[in-house]
Amino acid sequence: MRSASLSRNTKETQITCVLEIEGTGKSDISTGIGFFDHMLDLFAFHSNMNLKMIADGDLDVCDHHTIEDCGITLGSVLKQALGDRKGINRYGNFFMPMDETLAQVTLDISGRPYLVFNAEFTRDTVGMMATEMVEEFFRAVAVASGLTLHINVMYGKNDHHKIEAIFKAFGRALKEACLITSDKIPSSKGVLE
């Protein structure tokens, strides 16, 4: 069973994260940011991974440190849980409709971190989460895990729907990429780092 855990402590945040790739979509999330908790719950459900994310951050300052550090921590445990990546599908792609919104997430568990993020928001916040932190979260995940990650919101009006579609599509695309489909390293180089 592919799983990993990490406790990450800085002067700004204290975070504990546990990820089980072969899970049932179970989640235990508490970051102090309600909408962000909801998005992480949805990620767990749609990826079918079990995720525990408990964070205590300097929310009296703002949500930036907590959300970015959760992204770093999630990316780190994903990289650890994947191990040598032997046999994984490697690539994942999913289109997620959410009412008037359509989002697409395409990713490669490549070992080469890169984020392309094409989404525009009209609100500053959804709940207590700054909309600008959506991109920051996914950048942190991509860099810490070694994902090449492309996120595109093709259209939509409601910022809640856009963000929710992104997190759901990310879960579905990552689920596809993490599937074991062979007994080989899925790279012509013979290694994924």
C-alpha atoms as a PDB file:
ATOM      1  CA  MET A   1       0.000   0.000   0.000  1.00  0.00           C
ATOM      2  CA  ARG A   2       1.477   3.341  -1.074  1.00  0.00           C
ATOM      3  CA  SER A   3       1.300   5.811   1.775  1.00  0.00           C
ATOM      4  CA  ALA A   4       3.348   8.488   3.507  1.00  0.00           C
ATOM      5  CA  SER A   5       3.117  10.903   6.410  1.00  0.00           C
ATOM      6  CA  LEU A   6       4.895  14.107   7.334  1.00  0.00           C
ATOM      7  CA  SER A   7       4.898  16.646  10.138  1.00  0.00           C
ATOM      8  CA  ARG A   8       6.147  20.022   8.928  1.00  0.00           C
ATOM      9  CA  ASN A   9       6.772  22.750  11.492  1.00  0.00           C
ATOM     10  CA  THR A  10       7.858  26.317  10.842  1.00  0.00           C
ATOM     11  CA  LYS A  11       7.490  29.577  12.755  1.00  0.00           C
ATOM     12  CA  GLU A  12       4.339  30.197  10.703  1.00  0.00           C
ATOM     13  CA  THR A  13       2.631  26.801  10.512  1.00  0.00           C
ATOM     14  CA  GLN A  14       2.510  23.374  12.126  1.00  0.00           C
ATOM     15  CA  ILE A  15       1.133  20.768   9.741  1.00  0.00           C
ATOM     16  CA  THR A  16       0.555  17.025   9.919  1.00  0.00           C
ATOM     17  CA  CYS A  17      -0.352  15.202   6.726  1.00  0.00           C
ATOM     18  CA  VAL A  18      -1.014  11.536   5.959  1.00  0.00           C
ATOM     19  CA  LEU A  19      -1.785  10.310   2.431  1.00  0.00           C
ATOM     20  CA  GLU A  20      -2.829   6.801   1.371  1.00  0.00           C
ATOM     21  CA  ILE A  21      -2.973   6.439  -2.400  1.00  0.00           C
ATOM     22  CA  GLU A  22      -4.950   3.181  -2.279  1.00  0.00           C
ATOM     23  CA  GLY A  23      -7.727   4.589  -0.133  1.00  0.00           C
ATOM     24  CA  THR A  24     -11.473   5.035  -0.187  1.00  0.00           C
ATOM     25  CA  GLY A  25     -11.669   8.837  -0.361  1.00  0.00           C
ATOM     26  CA  LYS A  26     -11.777   9.224   3.414  1.00  0.00           C
ATOM     27  CA  SER A  27     -10.625  12.601   4.746  1.00  0.00           C
ATOM     28  CA  ASP A  28      -9.826  14.243   8.065  1.00  0.00           C
ATOM     29  CA  ILE A  29      -9.181  17.908   7.329  1.00  0.00           C
ATOM     30  CA  SER A  30      -8.750  20.848   9.698  1.00  0.00           C
ATOM     31  CA  THR A  31      -6.835  23.919   8.522  1.00  0.00           C
ATOM     32  CA  GLY A  32      -8.907  26.683  10.110  1.00  0.00           C
ATOM     33  CA  ILE A  33     -10.038  27.814   6.633  1.00  0.00           C
ATOM     34  CA  GLY A  34     -13.482  26.353   6.017  1.00  0.00           C
ATOM     35  CA  PHE A  35     -13.650  26.635   2.232  1.00  0.00           C
ATOM     36  CA  PHE A  36     -10.114  25.232   1.869  1.00  0.00           C
ATOM     37  CA  ASP A  37     -11.087  22.300   4.123  1.00  0.00           C
ATOM     38  CA  HIS A  38     -14.037  21.654   1.831  1.00  0.00           C
ATOM     39  CA  MET A  39     -11.776  21.681  -1.251  1.00  0.00           C
ATOM     40  CA  LEU A  40      -9.347  19.200   0.332  1.00  0.00           C
ATOM     41  CA  ASP A  41     -12.301  16.954   1.266  1.00  0.00           C
ATOM     42  CA  LEU A  42     -13.399  17.040  -2.378  1.00  0.00           C
ATOM     43  CA  PHE A  43      -9.870  16.279  -3.581  1.00  0.00           C
ATOM     44  CA  ALA A  44      -9.725  13.213  -1.320  1.00  0.00           C
ATOM     45  CA  PHE A  45     -13.147  12.003  -2.438  1.00  0.00           C
ATOM     46  CA  HIS A  46     -12.460  12.384  -6.163  1.00  0.00           C
ATOM     47  CA  SER A  47      -8.925  10.980  -6.025  1.00  0.00           C
ATOM     48  CA  ASN A  48     -10.174   8.050  -3.916  1.00  0.00           C
ATOM     49  CA  MET A  49      -7.152   8.660  -1.693  1.00  0.00           C
ATOM     50  CA  ASN A  50      -7.299   8.917   2.075  1.00  0.00           C
ATOM     51  CA  LEU A  51      -6.060  12.283   3.277  1.00  0.00           C
ATOM     52  CA  LYS A  52      -5.441  13.661   6.732  1.00  0.00           C
ATOM     53  CA  MET A  53      -4.387  17.325   6.853  1.00  0.00           C
ATOM     54  CA  ILE A  54      -4.258  19.062  10.222  1.00  0.00           C
ATOM     55  CA  ALA A  55      -2.814  22.577  10.151  1.00  0.00           C
ATOM     56  CA  ASP A  56      -2.342  25.273  12.749  1.00  0.00           C
ATOM     57  CA  GLY A  57      -1.167  28.437  11.042  1.00  0.00           C
ATOM     58  CA  ASP A  58      -0.882  32.175  11.567  1.00  0.00           C
ATOM     59  CA  LEU A  59      -4.371  32.937  10.303  1.00  0.00           C
ATOM     60  CA  ASP A  60      -4.292  36.173  12.297  1.00  0.00           C
ATOM     61  CA  VAL A  61      -1.871  37.365   9.593  1.00  0.00           C
ATOM     62  CA  CYS A  62      -3.734  35.871   6.591  1.00  0.00           C
ATOM     63  CA  ASP A  63      -4.358  32.539   4.890  1.00  0.00           C
ATOM     64  CA  HIS A  64      -1.237  32.584   2.672  1.00  0.00           C
ATOM     65  CA  HIS A  65       1.225  30.668   4.866  1.00  0.00           C
ATOM     66  CA  THR A  66      -1.267  27.996   5.863  1.00  0.00           C
ATOM     67  CA  ILE A  67      -2.488  27.250   2.342  1.00  0.00           C
ATOM     68  CA  GLU A  68       0.942  27.359   0.701  1.00  0.00           C
ATOM     69  CA  ASP A  69       2.497  25.187   3.430  1.00  0.00           C
ATOM     70  CA  CYS A  70      -0.349  22.677   3.109  1.00  0.00           C
ATOM     71  CA  GLY A  71       0.486  22.505  -0.605  1.00  0.00           C
ATOM     72  CA  ILE A  72       4.167  21.913   0.152  1.00  0.00           C
ATOM     73  CA  THR A  73       3.264  19.213   2.661  1.00  0.00           C
ATOM     74  CA  LEU A  74       0.752  17.468   0.370  1.00  0.00           C
ATOM     75  CA  GLY A  75       3.240  17.513  -2.505  1.00  0.00           C
ATOM     76  CA  SER A  76       5.970  16.098  -0.266  1.00  0.00           C
ATOM     77  CA  VAL A  77       3.853  13.178   0.985  1.00  0.00           C
ATOM     78  CA  LEU A  78       2.630  12.435  -2.547  1.00  0.00           C
ATOM     79  CA  LYS A  79       6.223  12.239  -3.798  1.00  0.00           C
ATOM     80  CA  GLN A  80       7.195  10.009  -0.876  1.00  0.00           C
ATOM     81  CA  ALA A  81       4.155   7.725  -1.275  1.00  0.00           C
ATOM     82  CA  LEU A  82       4.818   7.240  -5.013  1.00  0.00           C
ATOM     83  CA  GLY A  83       8.320   5.942  -4.302  1.00  0.00           C
ATOM     84  CA  ASP A  84      10.200   4.953  -7.484  1.00  0.00           C
ATOM     85  CA  ARG A  85       6.953   5.363  -9.496  1.00  0.00           C
ATOM     86  CA  LYS A  86       7.339   1.897 -10.989  1.00  0.00           C
ATOM     87  CA  GLY A  87       4.306   0.842 -13.002  1.00  0.00           C
ATOM     88  CA  ILE A  88       2.286   4.056 -12.649  1.00  0.00           C
ATOM     89  CA  ASN A  89       0.162   5.331 -15.491  1.00  0.00           C
ATOM     90  CA  ARG A  90       2.094   8.624 -15.085  1.00  0.00           C
ATOM     91  CA  TYR A  91      -0.321  10.849 -17.016  1.00  0.00           C
ATOM     92  CA  GLY A  92      -3.764  12.029 -16.008  1.00  0.00           C
ATOM     93  CA  ASN A  93      -6.392  14.274 -17.562  1.00  0.00           C
ATOM     94  CA  PHE A  94      -9.890  15.200 -16.505  1.00  0.00           C
ATOM     95  CA  PHE A  95     -12.572  17.655 -17.602  1.00  0.00           C
ATOM     96  CA  MET A  96     -14.863  18.648 -14.724  1.00  0.00           C
ATOM     97  CA  PRO A  97     -18.174  20.392 -15.337  1.00  0.00           C
ATOM     98  CA  MET A  98     -19.593  22.317 -12.381  1.00  0.00           C
ATOM     99  CA  ASP A  99     -22.837  23.968 -13.406  1.00  0.00           C
ATOM    100  CA  GLU A 100     -21.823  26.812 -15.783  1.00  0.00           C
ATOM    101  CA  THR A 101     -18.088  26.135 -15.331  1.00  0.00           C
ATOM    102  CA  LEU A 102     -15.785  23.753 -17.167  1.00  0.00           C
ATOM    103  CA  ALA A 103     -12.295  23.077 -15.811  1.00  0.00           C
ATOM    104  CA  GLN A 104      -9.574  20.792 -17.127  1.00  0.00           C
ATOM    105  CA  VAL A 105      -6.594  19.436 -15.216  1.00  0.00           C
ATOM    106  CA  THR A 106      -3.848  17.603 -17.086  1.00  0.00           C
ATOM    107  CA  LEU A 107      -0.769  16.320 -15.309  1.00  0.00           C
ATOM    108  CA  ASP A 108       2.385  14.307 -15.666  1.00  0.00           C
ATOM    109  CA  ILE A 109       4.132  12.704 -12.693  1.00  0.00           C
ATOM    110  CA  SER A 110       7.352  13.628 -14.446  1.00  0.00           C
ATOM    111  CA  GLY A 111       9.777  14.691 -11.752  1.00  0.00           C
ATOM    112  CA  ARG A 112       9.896  18.066 -13.530  1.00  0.00           C
ATOM    113  CA  PRO A 113       7.839  20.536 -11.527  1.00  0.00           C
ATOM    114  CA  TYR A 114       5.922  23.064 -13.579  1.00  0.00           C
ATOM    115  CA  LEU A 115       2.584  24.816 -13.212  1.00  0.00           C
ATOM    116  CA  VAL A 116       0.469  26.363 -15.944  1.00  0.00           C
ATOM    117  CA  PHE A 117      -2.538  28.057 -14.344  1.00  0.00           C
ATOM    118  CA  ASN A 118      -5.211  29.667 -16.481  1.00  0.00           C
ATOM    119  CA  ALA A 119      -8.107  30.740 -14.283  1.00  0.00           C
ATOM    120  CA  GLU A 120      -9.475  34.159 -13.504  1.00  0.00           C
ATOM    121  CA  PHE A 121     -11.492  35.066 -10.453  1.00  0.00           C
ATOM    122  CA  THR A 122     -13.649  38.126  -9.856  1.00  0.00           C
ATOM    123  CA  ARG A 123     -13.959  37.791  -6.074  1.00  0.00           C
ATOM    124  CA  ASP A 124     -11.111  38.376  -3.628  1.00  0.00           C
ATOM    125  CA  THR A 125     -12.250  35.557  -1.364  1.00  0.00           C
ATOM    126  CA  VAL A 126     -14.571  32.576  -1.229  1.00  0.00           C
ATOM    127  CA  GLY A 127     -15.426  32.131   2.400  1.00  0.00           C
ATOM    128  CA  MET A 128     -12.189  32.852   4.258  1.00  0.00           C
ATOM    129  CA  MET A 129      -9.948  31.659   1.402  1.00  0.00           C
ATOM    130  CA  ALA A 130      -8.296  34.210  -0.881  1.00  0.00           C
ATOM    131  CA  THR A 131      -8.895  33.237  -4.504  1.00  0.00           C
ATOM    132  CA  GLU A 132      -5.268  34.112  -5.358  1.00  0.00           C
ATOM    133  CA  MET A 133      -4.222  31.261  -3.058  1.00  0.00           C
ATOM    134  CA  VAL A 134      -5.651  28.619  -5.408  1.00  0.00           C
ATOM    135  CA  GLU A 135      -2.741  29.129  -7.805  1.00  0.00           C
ATOM    136  CA  GLU A 136      -0.250  29.335  -4.914  1.00  0.00           C
ATOM    137  CA  PHE A 137      -1.513  26.042  -3.465  1.00  0.00           C
ATOM    138  CA  PHE A 138      -1.162  24.169  -6.738  1.00  0.00           C
ATOM    139  CA  ARG A 139       2.262  25.687  -7.423  1.00  0.00           C
ATOM    140  CA  ALA A 140       3.414  24.420  -4.020  1.00  0.00           C
ATOM    141  CA  VAL A 141       1.990  20.940  -4.705  1.00  0.00           C
ATOM    142  CA  ALA A 142       3.617  20.783  -8.153  1.00  0.00           C
ATOM    143  CA  VAL A 143       7.049  21.895  -6.957  1.00  0.00           C
ATOM    144  CA  ALA A 144       7.121  19.664  -3.863  1.00  0.00           C
ATOM    145  CA  SER A 145       5.891  16.553  -5.697  1.00  0.00           C
ATOM    146  CA  GLY A 146       7.592  16.988  -9.063  1.00  0.00           C
ATOM    147  CA  LEU A 147       4.376  17.291 -11.062  1.00  0.00           C
ATOM    148  CA  THR A 148       3.991  18.954 -14.419  1.00  0.00           C
ATOM    149  CA  LEU A 149       0.530  20.416 -13.833  1.00  0.00           C
ATOM    150  CA  HIS A 150      -1.717  22.276 -16.261  1.00  0.00           C
ATOM    151  CA  ILE A 151      -4.920  23.813 -14.879  1.00  0.00           C
ATOM    152  CA  ASN A 152      -7.351  25.523 -17.223  1.00  0.00           C
ATOM    153  CA  VAL A 153     -10.772  26.946 -16.471  1.00  0.00           C
ATOM    154  CA  MET A 154     -12.248  27.160 -19.935  1.00  0.00           C
ATOM    155  CA  TYR A 155     -15.276  29.161 -18.903  1.00  0.00           C
ATOM    156  CA  GLY A 156     -17.453  29.948 -15.938  1.00  0.00           C
ATOM    157  CA  LYS A 157     -18.884  32.803 -13.914  1.00  0.00           C
ATOM    158  CA  ASN A 158     -19.126  31.647 -10.311  1.00  0.00           C
ATOM    159  CA  ASP A 159     -15.752  31.630  -8.527  1.00  0.00           C
ATOM    160  CA  HIS A 160     -16.891  28.964  -6.055  1.00  0.00           C
ATOM    161  CA  HIS A 161     -17.759  26.688  -8.967  1.00  0.00           C
ATOM    162  CA  LYS A 162     -14.439  27.391 -10.730  1.00  0.00           C
ATOM    163  CA  ILE A 163     -12.352  26.529  -7.676  1.00  0.00           C
ATOM    164  CA  GLU A 164     -14.427  23.463  -6.828  1.00  0.00           C
ATOM    165  CA  ALA A 165     -14.146  22.191 -10.406  1.00  0.00           C
ATOM    166  CA  ILE A 166     -10.347  22.605 -10.256  1.00  0.00           C
ATOM    167  CA  PHE A 167      -9.955  20.622  -7.024  1.00  0.00           C
ATOM    168  CA  LYS A 168     -12.283  17.851  -8.221  1.00  0.00           C
ATOM    169  CA  ALA A 169     -10.555  17.605 -11.604  1.00  0.00           C
ATOM    170  CA  PHE A 170      -7.157  17.528  -9.902  1.00  0.00           C
ATOM    171  CA  GLY A 171      -8.292  14.594  -7.781  1.00  0.00           C
ATOM    172  CA  ARG A 172      -9.604  12.680 -10.788  1.00  0.00           C
ATOM    173  CA  ALA A 173      -6.534  13.363 -12.942  1.00  0.00           C
ATOM    174  CA  LEU A 174      -4.156  12.387 -10.138  1.00  0.00           C
ATOM    175  CA  LYS A 175      -6.117   9.178  -9.520  1.00  0.00           C
ATOM    176  CA  GLU A 176      -5.649   8.244 -13.182  1.00  0.00           C
ATOM    177  CA  ALA A 177      -1.933   9.080 -13.147  1.00  0.00           C
ATOM    178  CA  CYS A 178      -1.229   7.077  -9.976  1.00  0.00           C
ATOM    179  CA  LEU A 179      -2.858   3.862 -11.238  1.00  0.00           C
ATOM    180  CA  ILE A 180      -0.501   0.902 -11.498  1.00  0.00           C
ATOM    181  CA  THR A 181      -0.731  -0.269 -15.098  1.00  0.00           C
ATOM    182  CA  SER A 182       2.518  -2.197 -15.644  1.00  0.00           C
ATOM    183  CA  ASP A 183       5.679  -3.396 -13.922  1.00  0.00           C
ATOM    184  CA  LYS A 184       7.962  -0.862 -15.636  1.00  0.00           C
ATOM    185  CA  ILE A 185       9.123   2.689 -14.960  1.00  0.00           C
ATOM    186  CA  PRO A 186       6.996   4.724 -17.418  1.00  0.00           C
ATOM    187  CA  SER A 187       9.887   6.662 -18.937  1.00  0.00           C
ATOM    188  CA  SER A 188      12.157   6.102 -21.917  1.00  0.00           C
ATOM    189  CA  LYS A 189      14.996   7.218 -19.624  1.00  0.00           C
ATOM    190  CA  GLY A 190      14.257   4.328 -17.279  1.00  0.00           C
ATOM    191  CA  VAL A 191      13.861   6.635 -14.266  1.00  0.00           C
ATOM    192  CA  LEU A 192      11.397   9.228 -12.980  1.00  0.00           C
ATOM    193  CA  GLU A 193      12.951  11.565 -10.426  1.00  0.00           C
END
